[in-house]
C-alpha atoms as a PDB file:
ATOM      1  CA  UNK A   1      21.987   3.844 -20.034  1.00  0.00           C
ATOM      2  CA  UNK A   2      18.493   5.289 -20.390  1.00  0.00           C
ATOM      3  CA  UNK A   3      17.031   2.087 -18.928  1.00  0.00           C
ATOM      4  CA  UNK A   4      19.193   2.464 -15.812  1.00  0.00           C
ATOM      5  CA  UNK A   5      18.097   6.085 -15.433  1.00  0.00           C
ATOM      6  CA  UNK A   6      14.420   5.111 -15.590  1.00  0.00           C
ATOM      7  CA  UNK A   7      14.916   2.309 -13.043  1.00  0.00           C
ATOM      8  CA  UNK A   8      16.693   4.732 -10.718  1.00  0.00           C
ATOM      9  CA  UNK A   9      13.855   7.265 -11.007  1.00  0.00           C
ATOM     10  CA  UNK A  10      11.259   4.628 -10.124  1.00  0.00           C
ATOM     11  CA  UNK A  11      13.332   3.459  -7.163  1.00  0.00           C
ATOM     12  CA  UNK A  12      13.849   6.999  -5.892  1.00  0.00           C
ATOM     13  CA  UNK A  13      10.152   7.814  -6.312  1.00  0.00           C
ATOM     14  CA  UNK A  14       9.269   4.639  -4.441  1.00  0.00           C
ATOM     15  CA  UNK A  15      11.631   5.527  -1.583  1.00  0.00           C
ATOM     16  CA  UNK A  16      10.120   8.996  -1.282  1.00  0.00           C
ATOM     17  CA  UNK A  17       6.576   7.605  -1.217  1.00  0.00           C
ATOM     18  CA  UNK A  18       7.498   5.018   1.408  1.00  0.00           C
ATOM     19  CA  UNK A  19       9.137   7.677   3.631  1.00  0.00           C
ATOM     20  CA  UNK A  20       6.053   9.889   3.294  1.00  0.00           C
ATOM     21  CA  UNK A  21       3.904   6.848   4.078  1.00  0.00           C
ATOM     22  CA  UNK A  22       5.850   6.123   7.260  1.00  0.00           C
ATOM     23  CA  UNK A  23       5.577   9.784   8.228  1.00  0.00           C
ATOM     24  CA  UNK A  24       1.817   9.738   7.635  1.00  0.00           C
ATOM     25  CA  UNK A  25       1.559   6.590   9.748  1.00  0.00           C
ATOM     26  CA  UNK A  26       3.413   8.374  12.561  1.00  0.00           C
ATOM     27  CA  UNK A  27       0.981  11.284  12.350  1.00  0.00           C
ATOM     28  CA  UNK A  28      -1.865   8.759  12.370  1.00  0.00           C
ATOM     29  CA  UNK A  29      -0.697   7.585  15.773  1.00  0.00           C
ATOM     30  CA  UNK A  30      -1.188  11.142  17.023  1.00  0.00           C
ATOM     31  CA  UNK A  31      -4.592  11.488  15.382  1.00  0.00           C
ATOM     32  CA  UNK A  32      -6.499  10.361  18.437  1.00  0.00           C
ATOM     33  CA  UNK A  33      -5.736  13.733  19.962  1.00  0.00           C
ATOM     34  CA  UNK A  34      -8.787  16.001  20.307  1.00  0.00           C
ATOM     35  CA  UNK A  35      -7.810  18.407  17.530  1.00  0.00           C
ATOM     36  CA  UNK A  36      -8.247  15.740  14.837  1.00  0.00           C
ATOM     37  CA  UNK A  37     -11.731  15.378  13.432  1.00  0.00           C
ATOM     38  CA  UNK A  38     -13.243  11.963  12.774  1.00  0.00           C
ATOM     39  CA  UNK A  39     -13.315  12.741   9.038  1.00  0.00           C
ATOM     40  CA  UNK A  40      -9.669  13.813   9.109  1.00  0.00           C
ATOM     41  CA  UNK A  41      -8.763  10.559  10.811  1.00  0.00           C
ATOM     42  CA  UNK A  42     -10.444   8.581   8.022  1.00  0.00           C
ATOM     43  CA  UNK A  43      -8.325  10.279   5.357  1.00  0.00           C
ATOM     44  CA  UNK A  44      -5.223  10.068   7.482  1.00  0.00           C
ATOM     45  CA  UNK A  45      -5.669   6.325   7.996  1.00  0.00           C
ATOM     46  CA  UNK A  46      -6.048   5.840   4.248  1.00  0.00           C
ATOM     47  CA  UNK A  47      -3.052   7.927   3.188  1.00  0.00           C
ATOM     48  CA  UNK A  48      -0.145   5.750   4.422  1.00  0.00           C
ATOM     49  CA  UNK A  49      -1.777   2.629   3.010  1.00  0.00           C
ATOM     50  CA  UNK A  50      -2.248   4.176  -0.430  1.00  0.00           C
ATOM     51  CA  UNK A  51       1.240   5.665  -0.496  1.00  0.00           C
ATOM     52  CA  UNK A  52       2.829   2.385   0.587  1.00  0.00           C
ATOM     53  CA  UNK A  53       0.954   0.500  -2.127  1.00  0.00           C
ATOM     54  CA  UNK A  54       1.856   2.991  -4.834  1.00  0.00           C
ATOM     55  CA  UNK A  55       5.472   3.234  -3.660  1.00  0.00           C
ATOM     56  CA  UNK A  56       5.873  -0.552  -3.621  1.00  0.00           C
ATOM     57  CA  UNK A  57       4.401  -0.815  -7.133  1.00  0.00           C
ATOM     58  CA  UNK A  58       6.814   1.836  -8.417  1.00  0.00           C
ATOM     59  CA  UNK A  59       9.706   0.002  -6.799  1.00  0.00           C
ATOM     60  CA  UNK A  60       8.723  -3.192  -8.624  1.00  0.00           C
ATOM     61  CA  UNK A  61       8.681  -1.356 -11.946  1.00  0.00           C
ATOM     62  CA  UNK A  62      12.215  -0.189 -11.199  1.00  0.00           C
ATOM     63  CA  UNK A  63      13.459  -3.568  -9.923  1.00  0.00           C
ATOM     64  CA  UNK A  64      11.820  -5.591 -12.715  1.00  0.00           C
ATOM     65  CA  UNK A  65      11.626  -9.028 -11.087  1.00  0.00           C
ATOM     66  CA  UNK A  66      10.576 -12.148 -13.003  1.00  0.00           C
ATOM     67  CA  UNK A  67       6.930 -12.142 -14.090  1.00  0.00           C
ATOM     68  CA  UNK A  68       5.587 -14.540 -11.423  1.00  0.00           C
ATOM     69  CA  UNK A  69       7.347 -12.547  -8.708  1.00  0.00           C
ATOM     70  CA  UNK A  70       6.147  -9.275 -10.223  1.00  0.00           C
ATOM     71  CA  UNK A  71       2.565 -10.566 -10.205  1.00  0.00           C
ATOM     72  CA  UNK A  72       2.778 -11.477  -6.515  1.00  0.00           C
ATOM     73  CA  UNK A  73       4.342  -8.165  -5.570  1.00  0.00           C
ATOM     74  CA  UNK A  74       1.850  -6.119  -7.563  1.00  0.00           C
ATOM     75  CA  UNK A  75      -0.967  -8.058  -5.904  1.00  0.00           C
ATOM     76  CA  UNK A  76       0.453  -7.038  -2.527  1.00  0.00           C
ATOM     77  CA  UNK A  77       0.683  -3.444  -3.732  1.00  0.00           C
ATOM     78  CA  UNK A  78      -2.910  -3.521  -4.970  1.00  0.00           C
ATOM     79  CA  UNK A  79      -3.985  -4.996  -1.645  1.00  0.00           C
ATOM     80  CA  UNK A  80      -2.618  -1.986   0.219  1.00  0.00           C
ATOM     81  CA  UNK A  81      -4.404   0.335  -2.199  1.00  0.00           C
ATOM     82  CA  UNK A  82      -7.675  -1.576  -1.752  1.00  0.00           C
ATOM     83  CA  UNK A  83      -7.235  -1.354   2.009  1.00  0.00           C
ATOM     84  CA  UNK A  84      -6.828   2.416   1.633  1.00  0.00           C
ATOM     85  CA  UNK A  85     -10.047   2.574  -0.379  1.00  0.00           C
ATOM     86  CA  UNK A  86     -11.791   0.428   2.237  1.00  0.00           C
ATOM     87  CA  UNK A  87     -10.846   2.979   4.902  1.00  0.00           C
ATOM     88  CA  UNK A  88     -12.717   5.651   2.943  1.00  0.00           C
ATOM     89  CA  UNK A  89     -15.902   3.653   2.374  1.00  0.00           C
ATOM     90  CA  UNK A  90     -18.872   4.121   4.697  1.00  0.00           C
ATOM     91  CA  UNK A  91     -20.054   1.020   6.545  1.00  0.00           C
ATOM     92  CA  UNK A  92     -21.954  -1.017   3.965  1.00  0.00           C
ATOM     93  CA  UNK A  93     -22.010  -4.451   2.368  1.00  0.00           C
ATOM     94  CA  UNK A  94     -19.672  -3.120  -0.347  1.00  0.00           C
ATOM     95  CA  UNK A  95     -17.158  -1.983   2.281  1.00  0.00           C
ATOM     96  CA  UNK A  96     -17.371  -5.376   3.972  1.00  0.00           C
ATOM     97  CA  UNK A  97     -16.750  -7.089   0.631  1.00  0.00           C
ATOM     98  CA  UNK A  98     -13.699  -4.909  -0.109  1.00  0.00           C
ATOM     99  CA  UNK A  99     -12.397  -5.639   3.395  1.00  0.00           C
ATOM    100  CA  UNK A 100     -12.852  -9.376   2.807  1.00  0.00           C
ATOM    101  CA  UNK A 101     -10.914  -9.129  -0.467  1.00  0.00           C
ATOM    102  CA  UNK A 102      -8.093  -7.356   1.355  1.00  0.00           C
ATOM    103  CA  UNK A 103      -7.968 -10.055   4.031  1.00  0.00           C
ATOM    104  CA  UNK A 104      -7.965 -12.846   1.441  1.00  0.00           C
ATOM    105  CA  UNK A 105      -5.181 -11.164  -0.539  1.00  0.00           C
ATOM    106  CA  UNK A 106      -3.001 -10.691   2.559  1.00  0.00           C
ATOM    107  CA  UNK A 107      -3.540 -14.329   3.545  1.00  0.00           C
ATOM    108  CA  UNK A 108      -2.645 -15.445   0.008  1.00  0.00           C
ATOM    109  CA  UNK A 109       0.505 -13.323   0.103  1.00  0.00           C
ATOM    110  CA  UNK A 110       1.476 -14.837   3.450  1.00  0.00           C
ATOM    111  CA  UNK A 111       0.859 -18.324   2.003  1.00  0.00           C
ATOM    112  CA  UNK A 112       3.223 -17.564  -0.867  1.00  0.00           C
ATOM    113  CA  UNK A 113       5.887 -16.284   1.531  1.00  0.00           C
ATOM    114  CA  UNK A 114       5.641 -19.429   3.661  1.00  0.00           C
ATOM    115  CA  UNK A 115       5.869 -21.629   0.556  1.00  0.00           C
ATOM    116  CA  UNK A 116       9.099 -19.925  -0.520  1.00  0.00           C
ATOM    117  CA  UNK A 117      10.946 -20.675   2.728  1.00  0.00           C
END
């Protein structure tokens, strides 16, 4: 019974984070308006990515898929978080490297999805 309660909490937390992430993404679409500063836009572009990654990771803890599936899903979650970090980094070789890691991880995830079908 306690195990079910914990799973439900993780799932509910994940849902809340994903809804907030979608809301932040909607606000991001409005951020090109003149009253948003460039610095504010940077944080706003990072927020939905980070929340989506964290929310998806929490959901996986609640769902508890098989280990290989969990690994793939947590990699996708970490990729969103890395993308959020990349949004905050100033233009530099380190930022380019983080961006390249994000691209490679998304391509790998897509490869796995294609292989499953």
